[in-house]
Amino acid sequence: MNTLMKERTRRALRVIKILLMTIAALVMAFSFSSLGSQPPVQAATTTYMDDNGNWKGGTATDHDTWLKDQVNSNWISADFASQVPADAKGTDQTTGKPYIDEWLPDKNLQKLVVHDLGLSSVSDITKDNLNQKMGAYFYLDSDLQHYNRTYYNQVCNTKSLEGLQYATQLTDLEFTPDQDASLGTWGVWPHGRLSDISALKQLTELTHLNIQLDDVYDISPIAGKKLDSTTSMSYNHIIDASPLESSKDTLHLFYLCFPVV
């Protein structure tokens, strides 16, 4: 069975897992409600991120600031990133910074891309080979999440997909911590720190998206896309589903449930 068929099969099996997790979430919510009122959480000092540093949406300037402060201090700007040559690797002699940090800033995502593309190191990643080697599908390695804690942590700690817009052939993207690996192997509740999916706006071929169990607030980058029936965004912080208007005839609400955690 090829990779695509394996992933489609796994996706079908996740339906049962989603049901079980929904029941667990309801039980947890009931338990917490019995504890009485809690001290108020201090308000975030910015409108574009929450108190945990998660991206909530904002202007292009806000996004550049957030990427520099929360993801990679070497980040300059989206405009600058767009000018990085497609074959550039190594150190940018003008800035003294690694080229890769100037357009694919999340260090954890860099390592996941190295694995996906079969490269030797992050310094080998270029816009060209990202586009040519990644092709239409970017699925995290579910098997590796079970026995390689470093890889699993890289999945969970990725905050931003910035830079993936240069993989212009992408049609299917799944970025969620594996539930079996989390609960069965590592004994932790599955939770990814991904909150920034801004890069998806430029992926015009994207039709399938799985970003369950992450920290996403803003799904405006997928406005105008027609996503398929197994797209899932459950267990995030999404409160505005209007960007899904263009997909209302193709989405399956069972997969799309939006409990906020």
C-alpha atoms as a PDB file:
ATOM      1  CA  MET A   1       0.000   0.000   0.000  1.00  0.00           C
ATOM      2  CA  ASN A   2       1.514   3.332  -0.970  1.00  0.00           C
ATOM      3  CA  THR A   3       2.105   6.194   1.434  1.00  0.00           C
ATOM      4  CA  LEU A   4      -1.020   8.083   0.383  1.00  0.00           C
ATOM      5  CA  MET A   5      -3.275   5.060   0.965  1.00  0.00           C
ATOM      6  CA  LYS A   6      -1.700   4.412   4.367  1.00  0.00           C
ATOM      7  CA  GLU A   7      -2.334   7.975   5.435  1.00  0.00           C
ATOM      8  CA  ARG A   8      -5.919   7.875   4.160  1.00  0.00           C
ATOM      9  CA  THR A   9      -6.483   4.694   6.183  1.00  0.00           C
ATOM     10  CA  ARG A  10      -5.005   6.288   9.305  1.00  0.00           C
ATOM     11  CA  ARG A  11      -7.278   9.274   8.757  1.00  0.00           C
ATOM     12  CA  ALA A  12     -10.353   7.056   8.766  1.00  0.00           C
ATOM     13  CA  LEU A  13      -9.234   5.374  12.005  1.00  0.00           C
ATOM     14  CA  ARG A  14      -8.884   8.774  13.637  1.00  0.00           C
ATOM     15  CA  VAL A  15     -12.663   9.167  13.536  1.00  0.00           C
ATOM     16  CA  ILE A  16     -12.962   6.767  16.474  1.00  0.00           C
ATOM     17  CA  LYS A  17     -10.163   8.561  18.296  1.00  0.00           C
ATOM     18  CA  ILE A  18     -11.880  11.917  17.843  1.00  0.00           C
ATOM     19  CA  LEU A  19     -15.053  10.512  19.416  1.00  0.00           C
ATOM     20  CA  LEU A  20     -13.127   9.179  22.405  1.00  0.00           C
ATOM     21  CA  MET A  21     -11.244  12.451  22.840  1.00  0.00           C
ATOM     22  CA  THR A  22     -14.463  14.447  22.641  1.00  0.00           C
ATOM     23  CA  ILE A  23     -15.898  12.353  25.488  1.00  0.00           C
ATOM     24  CA  ALA A  24     -12.690  12.831  27.480  1.00  0.00           C
ATOM     25  CA  ALA A  25     -12.776  16.591  26.916  1.00  0.00           C
ATOM     26  CA  LEU A  26     -16.361  16.786  28.149  1.00  0.00           C
ATOM     27  CA  VAL A  27     -15.451  14.827  31.271  1.00  0.00           C
ATOM     28  CA  MET A  28     -12.496  17.138  31.907  1.00  0.00           C
ATOM     29  CA  ALA A  29     -14.634  20.239  31.404  1.00  0.00           C
ATOM     30  CA  PHE A  30     -17.185  18.922  33.909  1.00  0.00           C
ATOM     31  CA  SER A  31     -14.438  18.156  36.401  1.00  0.00           C
ATOM     32  CA  PHE A  32     -12.916  21.619  36.134  1.00  0.00           C
ATOM     33  CA  SER A  33     -16.308  23.296  36.488  1.00  0.00           C
ATOM     34  CA  SER A  34     -16.687  21.656  39.896  1.00  0.00           C
ATOM     35  CA  LEU A  35     -13.561  23.347  41.204  1.00  0.00           C
ATOM     36  CA  GLY A  36     -15.224  26.732  41.529  1.00  0.00           C
ATOM     37  CA  SER A  37     -14.126  30.077  40.150  1.00  0.00           C
ATOM     38  CA  GLN A  38     -10.457  30.540  39.300  1.00  0.00           C
ATOM     39  CA  PRO A  39      -8.304  33.696  39.496  1.00  0.00           C
ATOM     40  CA  PRO A  40      -8.581  35.777  36.335  1.00  0.00           C
ATOM     41  CA  VAL A  41      -5.831  35.288  33.764  1.00  0.00           C
ATOM     42  CA  GLN A  42      -3.794  38.414  33.104  1.00  0.00           C
ATOM     43  CA  ALA A  43      -4.673  39.914  29.725  1.00  0.00           C
ATOM     44  CA  ALA A  44      -2.160  39.682  26.897  1.00  0.00           C
ATOM     45  CA  THR A  45      -0.241  42.884  26.232  1.00  0.00           C
ATOM     46  CA  THR A  46      -0.757  42.599  22.477  1.00  0.00           C
ATOM     47  CA  THR A  47      -3.748  41.828  20.309  1.00  0.00           C
ATOM     48  CA  TYR A  48      -1.883  39.562  17.904  1.00  0.00           C
ATOM     49  CA  MET A  49      -0.844  36.881  20.413  1.00  0.00           C
ATOM     50  CA  ASP A  50      -2.207  35.318  23.578  1.00  0.00           C
ATOM     51  CA  ASP A  51      -0.546  35.002  26.991  1.00  0.00           C
ATOM     52  CA  ASN A  52       1.247  31.845  25.878  1.00  0.00           C
ATOM     53  CA  GLY A  53       2.793  33.540  22.855  1.00  0.00           C
ATOM     54  CA  ASN A  54       0.455  31.959  20.296  1.00  0.00           C
ATOM     55  CA  TRP A  55      -0.300  33.859  17.090  1.00  0.00           C
ATOM     56  CA  LYS A  56      -3.902  35.115  17.014  1.00  0.00           C
ATOM     57  CA  GLY A  57      -3.827  37.071  13.752  1.00  0.00           C
ATOM     58  CA  GLY A  58      -2.945  40.645  12.849  1.00  0.00           C
ATOM     59  CA  THR A  59      -1.204  42.845  10.310  1.00  0.00           C
ATOM     60  CA  ALA A  60       1.840  41.940   8.233  1.00  0.00           C
ATOM     61  CA  THR A  61       3.943  44.070  10.575  1.00  0.00           C
ATOM     62  CA  ASP A  62       2.494  42.255  13.595  1.00  0.00           C
ATOM     63  CA  HIS A  63       3.336  38.941  11.964  1.00  0.00           C
ATOM     64  CA  ASP A  64       6.949  39.941  11.322  1.00  0.00           C
ATOM     65  CA  THR A  65       7.273  41.121  14.925  1.00  0.00           C
ATOM     66  CA  TRP A  66       5.782  37.902  16.259  1.00  0.00           C
ATOM     67  CA  LEU A  67       8.038  35.702  14.109  1.00  0.00           C
ATOM     68  CA  LYS A  68      11.127  37.591  15.270  1.00  0.00           C
ATOM     69  CA  ASP A  69      10.141  37.630  18.960  1.00  0.00           C
ATOM     70  CA  GLN A  70       8.517  34.217  19.331  1.00  0.00           C
ATOM     71  CA  VAL A  71       9.967  31.987  16.616  1.00  0.00           C
ATOM     72  CA  ASN A  72      13.423  33.056  15.421  1.00  0.00           C
ATOM     73  CA  SER A  73      15.381  36.200  16.253  1.00  0.00           C
ATOM     74  CA  ASN A  74      17.080  35.993  12.840  1.00  0.00           C
ATOM     75  CA  TRP A  75      13.789  36.706  11.074  1.00  0.00           C
ATOM     76  CA  ILE A  76      13.803  40.023   9.183  1.00  0.00           C
ATOM     77  CA  SER A  77      10.513  40.331   7.294  1.00  0.00           C
ATOM     78  CA  ALA A  78       8.245  38.563   4.827  1.00  0.00           C
ATOM     79  CA  ASP A  79       9.312  40.999   2.113  1.00  0.00           C
ATOM     80  CA  PHE A  80      12.959  40.185   2.790  1.00  0.00           C
ATOM     81  CA  ALA A  81      12.191  36.440   2.804  1.00  0.00           C
ATOM     82  CA  SER A  82      10.557  36.666  -0.610  1.00  0.00           C
ATOM     83  CA  GLN A  83      13.833  38.031  -2.035  1.00  0.00           C
ATOM     84  CA  VAL A  84      16.009  35.173  -0.780  1.00  0.00           C
ATOM     85  CA  PRO A  85      17.258  33.338  -3.914  1.00  0.00           C
ATOM     86  CA  ALA A  86      15.543  29.997  -4.562  1.00  0.00           C
ATOM     87  CA  ASP A  87      18.870  28.132  -4.536  1.00  0.00           C
ATOM     88  CA  ALA A  88      20.431  29.973  -1.576  1.00  0.00           C
ATOM     89  CA  LYS A  89      21.989  27.870   1.182  1.00  0.00           C
ATOM     90  CA  GLY A  90      24.586  28.419   3.874  1.00  0.00           C
ATOM     91  CA  THR A  91      25.216  31.901   5.269  1.00  0.00           C
ATOM     92  CA  ASP A  92      23.881  35.131   3.834  1.00  0.00           C
ATOM     93  CA  GLN A  93      27.053  37.181   3.409  1.00  0.00           C
ATOM     94  CA  THR A  94      25.073  40.424   3.541  1.00  0.00           C
ATOM     95  CA  THR A  95      23.362  39.804   6.898  1.00  0.00           C
ATOM     96  CA  GLY A  96      25.660  37.188   8.415  1.00  0.00           C
ATOM     97  CA  LYS A  97      22.626  35.004   9.161  1.00  0.00           C
ATOM     98  CA  PRO A  98      21.771  31.515   7.865  1.00  0.00           C
ATOM     99  CA  TYR A  99      19.694  31.810   4.714  1.00  0.00           C
ATOM    100  CA  ILE A 100      17.279  29.201   6.027  1.00  0.00           C
ATOM    101  CA  ASP A 101      16.392  31.358   9.060  1.00  0.00           C
ATOM    102  CA  GLU A 102      15.504  34.227   6.740  1.00  0.00           C
ATOM    103  CA  TRP A 103      12.656  32.390   4.984  1.00  0.00           C
ATOM    104  CA  LEU A 104      11.830  29.185   6.984  1.00  0.00           C
ATOM    105  CA  PRO A 105      12.230  30.519  10.522  1.00  0.00           C
ATOM    106  CA  ASP A 106      10.847  27.772  12.779  1.00  0.00           C
ATOM    107  CA  LYS A 107      13.795  25.618  13.873  1.00  0.00           C
ATOM    108  CA  ASN A 108      11.576  22.620  14.597  1.00  0.00           C
ATOM    109  CA  LEU A 109       9.894  22.832  11.199  1.00  0.00           C
ATOM    110  CA  GLN A 110      13.329  23.021   9.579  1.00  0.00           C
ATOM    111  CA  LYS A 111      14.245  19.651  11.114  1.00  0.00           C
ATOM    112  CA  LEU A 112      10.933  18.084  10.100  1.00  0.00           C
ATOM    113  CA  VAL A 113      11.530  19.245   6.533  1.00  0.00           C
ATOM    114  CA  VAL A 114      15.035  17.722   6.577  1.00  0.00           C
ATOM    115  CA  HIS A 115      13.473  14.375   7.484  1.00  0.00           C
ATOM    116  CA  ASP A 116      10.676  14.692   4.926  1.00  0.00           C
ATOM    117  CA  LEU A 117      13.017  15.594   2.074  1.00  0.00           C
ATOM    118  CA  GLY A 118      15.726  13.096   3.049  1.00  0.00           C
ATOM    119  CA  LEU A 119      18.404  15.772   3.428  1.00  0.00           C
ATOM    120  CA  SER A 120      21.523  15.705   5.599  1.00  0.00           C
ATOM    121  CA  SER A 121      21.045  18.973   7.483  1.00  0.00           C
ATOM    122  CA  VAL A 122      18.956  22.136   7.620  1.00  0.00           C
ATOM    123  CA  SER A 123      21.684  23.979   5.724  1.00  0.00           C
ATOM    124  CA  ASP A 124      20.784  21.860   2.686  1.00  0.00           C
ATOM    125  CA  ILE A 125      17.208  23.179   2.518  1.00  0.00           C
ATOM    126  CA  THR A 126      16.508  25.631  -0.289  1.00  0.00           C
ATOM    127  CA  LYS A 127      13.268  26.987  -1.705  1.00  0.00           C
ATOM    128  CA  ASP A 128      13.989  24.996  -4.854  1.00  0.00           C
ATOM    129  CA  ASN A 129      14.364  21.596  -3.221  1.00  0.00           C
ATOM    130  CA  LEU A 130      11.445  22.281  -0.864  1.00  0.00           C
ATOM    131  CA  ASN A 131       9.211  22.807  -3.878  1.00  0.00           C
ATOM    132  CA  GLN A 132      10.620  20.024  -6.028  1.00  0.00           C
ATOM    133  CA  LYS A 133      11.072  17.274  -3.420  1.00  0.00           C
ATOM    134  CA  MET A 134       8.072  17.837  -1.151  1.00  0.00           C
ATOM    135  CA  GLY A 135       5.608  17.539  -4.004  1.00  0.00           C
ATOM    136  CA  ALA A 136       1.876  17.399  -3.241  1.00  0.00           C
ATOM    137  CA  TYR A 137       1.874  15.822   0.234  1.00  0.00           C
ATOM    138  CA  PHE A 138       3.362  16.808   3.585  1.00  0.00           C
ATOM    139  CA  TYR A 139       2.458  14.223   6.220  1.00  0.00           C
ATOM    140  CA  LEU A 140       4.328  13.924   9.493  1.00  0.00           C
ATOM    141  CA  ASP A 141       5.877  10.500  10.119  1.00  0.00           C
ATOM    142  CA  SER A 142       3.392   8.812  12.472  1.00  0.00           C
ATOM    143  CA  ASP A 143       5.606   5.756  13.031  1.00  0.00           C
ATOM    144  CA  LEU A 144       8.640   7.859  13.928  1.00  0.00           C
ATOM    145  CA  GLN A 145       6.591   9.801  16.483  1.00  0.00           C
ATOM    146  CA  HIS A 146       6.138   6.506  18.359  1.00  0.00           C
ATOM    147  CA  TYR A 147       9.800   5.652  18.906  1.00  0.00           C
ATOM    148  CA  ASN A 148      11.773   8.869  18.418  1.00  0.00           C
ATOM    149  CA  ARG A 149      11.054  11.387  21.191  1.00  0.00           C
ATOM    150  CA  THR A 150      13.189  14.063  19.534  1.00  0.00           C
ATOM    151  CA  TYR A 151      11.109  13.895  16.358  1.00  0.00           C
ATOM    152  CA  TYR A 152       7.881  13.826  18.389  1.00  0.00           C
ATOM    153  CA  ASN A 153       8.984  16.944  20.307  1.00  0.00           C
ATOM    154  CA  GLN A 154       9.805  18.726  17.043  1.00  0.00           C
ATOM    155  CA  VAL A 155       6.258  18.042  15.874  1.00  0.00           C
ATOM    156  CA  CYS A 156       4.726  19.317  19.116  1.00  0.00           C
ATOM    157  CA  ASN A 157       6.951  22.405  19.410  1.00  0.00           C
ATOM    158  CA  THR A 158       6.594  23.783  15.880  1.00  0.00           C
ATOM    159  CA  LYS A 159       4.891  27.184  16.142  1.00  0.00           C
ATOM    160  CA  SER A 160       4.786  28.442  12.560  1.00  0.00           C
ATOM    161  CA  LEU A 161       4.459  27.053   9.041  1.00  0.00           C
ATOM    162  CA  GLU A 162       6.065  30.176   7.577  1.00  0.00           C
ATOM    163  CA  GLY A 163       8.138  29.172   4.557  1.00  0.00           C
ATOM    164  CA  LEU A 164       5.936  26.293   3.435  1.00  0.00           C
ATOM    165  CA  GLN A 165       4.302  28.656   0.941  1.00  0.00           C
ATOM    166  CA  TYR A 166       7.321  27.946  -1.268  1.00  0.00           C
ATOM    167  CA  ALA A 167       6.188  24.301  -1.567  1.00  0.00           C
ATOM    168  CA  THR A 168       3.742  25.459  -4.209  1.00  0.00           C
ATOM    169  CA  GLN A 169       2.585  21.980  -5.262  1.00  0.00           C
ATOM    170  CA  LEU A 170       1.140  21.059  -1.852  1.00  0.00           C
ATOM    171  CA  THR A 171      -2.412  19.731  -1.967  1.00  0.00           C
ATOM    172  CA  ASP A 172      -2.444  17.759   1.328  1.00  0.00           C
ATOM    173  CA  LEU A 173      -1.006  18.953   4.634  1.00  0.00           C
ATOM    174  CA  GLU A 174      -1.320  17.189   7.987  1.00  0.00           C
ATOM    175  CA  PHE A 175       0.318  18.728  11.028  1.00  0.00           C
ATOM    176  CA  THR A 176      -0.900  17.226  14.277  1.00  0.00           C
ATOM    177  CA  PRO A 177       0.798  15.246  17.052  1.00  0.00           C
ATOM    178  CA  ASP A 178       0.033  11.535  16.742  1.00  0.00           C
ATOM    179  CA  GLN A 179      -2.579  10.622  19.350  1.00  0.00           C
ATOM    180  CA  ASP A 180      -1.399   7.027  19.839  1.00  0.00           C
ATOM    181  CA  ALA A 181       2.215   8.132  20.267  1.00  0.00           C
ATOM    182  CA  SER A 182       1.213  10.834  22.743  1.00  0.00           C
ATOM    183  CA  LEU A 183      -1.064   8.757  24.957  1.00  0.00           C
ATOM    184  CA  GLY A 184       0.311   5.261  24.417  1.00  0.00           C
ATOM    185  CA  THR A 185       4.071   5.738  24.019  1.00  0.00           C
ATOM    186  CA  TRP A 186       4.939   8.951  25.825  1.00  0.00           C
ATOM    187  CA  GLY A 187       2.053   9.171  28.297  1.00  0.00           C
ATOM    188  CA  VAL A 188       1.165  12.793  27.559  1.00  0.00           C
ATOM    189  CA  TRP A 189      -1.952  14.540  26.290  1.00  0.00           C
ATOM    190  CA  PRO A 190      -1.480  15.302  22.562  1.00  0.00           C
ATOM    191  CA  HIS A 191      -0.910  19.017  22.122  1.00  0.00           C
ATOM    192  CA  GLY A 192       0.966  20.864  19.397  1.00  0.00           C
ATOM    193  CA  ARG A 193       2.121  24.475  19.678  1.00  0.00           C
ATOM    194  CA  LEU A 194       1.366  25.312  16.050  1.00  0.00           C
ATOM    195  CA  SER A 195      -0.549  28.598  15.930  1.00  0.00           C
ATOM    196  CA  ASP A 196       0.598  30.303  12.726  1.00  0.00           C
ATOM    197  CA  ILE A 197      -0.736  28.932   9.421  1.00  0.00           C
ATOM    198  CA  SER A 198      -0.324  32.203   7.490  1.00  0.00           C
ATOM    199  CA  ALA A 199       1.808  30.437   4.858  1.00  0.00           C
ATOM    200  CA  LEU A 200      -1.229  28.470   3.660  1.00  0.00           C
ATOM    201  CA  LYS A 201      -2.742  31.565   2.065  1.00  0.00           C
ATOM    202  CA  GLN A 202      -0.347  31.241  -0.862  1.00  0.00           C
ATOM    203  CA  LEU A 203      -0.861  27.498  -1.358  1.00  0.00           C
ATOM    204  CA  THR A 204      -3.429  27.715  -4.126  1.00  0.00           C
ATOM    205  CA  GLU A 205      -3.576  23.922  -4.718  1.00  0.00           C
ATOM    206  CA  LEU A 206      -4.325  23.004  -1.085  1.00  0.00           C
ATOM    207  CA  THR A 207      -7.446  20.822  -0.730  1.00  0.00           C
ATOM    208  CA  HIS A 208      -6.814  18.810   2.458  1.00  0.00           C
ATOM    209  CA  LEU A 209      -5.756  20.095   5.877  1.00  0.00           C
ATOM    210  CA  ASN A 210      -5.436  18.384   9.269  1.00  0.00           C
ATOM    211  CA  ILE A 211      -4.345  20.655  12.119  1.00  0.00           C
ATOM    212  CA  GLN A 212      -6.012  18.951  15.074  1.00  0.00           C
ATOM    213  CA  LEU A 213      -4.774  19.369  18.651  1.00  0.00           C
ATOM    214  CA  ASP A 214      -2.812  22.569  18.004  1.00  0.00           C
ATOM    215  CA  ASP A 215      -3.000  26.223  19.140  1.00  0.00           C
ATOM    216  CA  VAL A 216      -4.519  27.814  16.024  1.00  0.00           C
ATOM    217  CA  TYR A 217      -6.791  30.848  16.403  1.00  0.00           C
ATOM    218  CA  ASP A 218      -6.688  32.454  12.962  1.00  0.00           C
ATOM    219  CA  ILE A 219      -7.813  30.408   9.947  1.00  0.00           C
ATOM    220  CA  SER A 220      -8.217  33.387   7.609  1.00  0.00           C
ATOM    221  CA  PRO A 221      -5.319  32.079   5.425  1.00  0.00           C
ATOM    222  CA  ILE A 222      -7.579  29.279   4.132  1.00  0.00           C
ATOM    223  CA  ALA A 223     -10.363  31.625   3.025  1.00  0.00           C
ATOM    224  CA  GLY A 224     -11.320  30.999  -0.586  1.00  0.00           C
ATOM    225  CA  LYS A 225     -10.021  27.422  -0.665  1.00  0.00           C
ATOM    226  CA  LYS A 226     -12.153  24.335  -1.295  1.00  0.00           C
ATOM    227  CA  LEU A 227     -11.087  21.841   1.345  1.00  0.00           C
ATOM    228  CA  ASP A 228     -12.105  18.187   1.242  1.00  0.00           C
ATOM    229  CA  SER A 229     -14.483  16.212   3.450  1.00  0.00           C
ATOM    230  CA  THR A 230     -11.793  14.846   5.801  1.00  0.00           C
ATOM    231  CA  THR A 231     -10.243  18.206   6.644  1.00  0.00           C
ATOM    232  CA  SER A 232     -10.050  18.562  10.437  1.00  0.00           C
ATOM    233  CA  MET A 233      -9.244  21.480  12.735  1.00  0.00           C
ATOM    234  CA  SER A 234     -10.666  20.212  16.024  1.00  0.00           C
ATOM    235  CA  TYR A 235      -9.136  21.035  19.405  1.00  0.00           C
ATOM    236  CA  ASN A 236      -7.750  24.486  18.605  1.00  0.00           C
ATOM    237  CA  HIS A 237      -8.872  27.994  19.624  1.00  0.00           C
ATOM    238  CA  ILE A 238     -10.895  28.808  16.503  1.00  0.00           C
ATOM    239  CA  ILE A 239     -13.806  31.170  17.130  1.00  0.00           C
ATOM    240  CA  ASP A 240     -14.358  32.534  13.617  1.00  0.00           C
ATOM    241  CA  ALA A 241     -15.206  29.872  11.057  1.00  0.00           C
ATOM    242  CA  SER A 242     -16.243  32.307   8.317  1.00  0.00           C
ATOM    243  CA  PRO A 243     -13.083  31.599   6.228  1.00  0.00           C
ATOM    244  CA  LEU A 244     -14.594  28.139   5.616  1.00  0.00           C
ATOM    245  CA  GLU A 245     -17.488  29.597   3.629  1.00  0.00           C
ATOM    246  CA  SER A 246     -15.823  28.596   0.358  1.00  0.00           C
ATOM    247  CA  SER A 247     -15.649  24.982   1.557  1.00  0.00           C
ATOM    248  CA  LYS A 248     -19.168  24.678   2.975  1.00  0.00           C
ATOM    249  CA  ASP A 249     -20.269  22.255   0.242  1.00  0.00           C
ATOM    250  CA  THR A 250     -17.285  19.923   0.608  1.00  0.00           C
ATOM    251  CA  LEU A 251     -16.438  19.846   4.318  1.00  0.00           C
ATOM    252  CA  HIS A 252     -17.779  17.157   6.657  1.00  0.00           C
ATOM    253  CA  LEU A 253     -18.876  18.706   9.960  1.00  0.00           C
ATOM    254  CA  PHE A 254     -18.096  15.499  11.864  1.00  0.00           C
ATOM    255  CA  TYR A 255     -14.369  15.991  11.216  1.00  0.00           C
ATOM    256  CA  LEU A 256     -14.523  19.734  11.678  1.00  0.00           C
ATOM    257  CA  CYS A 257     -15.788  19.951  15.288  1.00  0.00           C
ATOM    258  CA  PHE A 258     -14.325  22.977  17.076  1.00  0.00           C
ATOM    259  CA  PRO A 259     -14.149  22.516  20.871  1.00  0.00           C
ATOM    260  CA  VAL A 260     -11.884  25.231  22.272  1.00  0.00           C
ATOM    261  CA  VAL A 261      -9.289  23.947  24.737  1.00  0.00           C
END
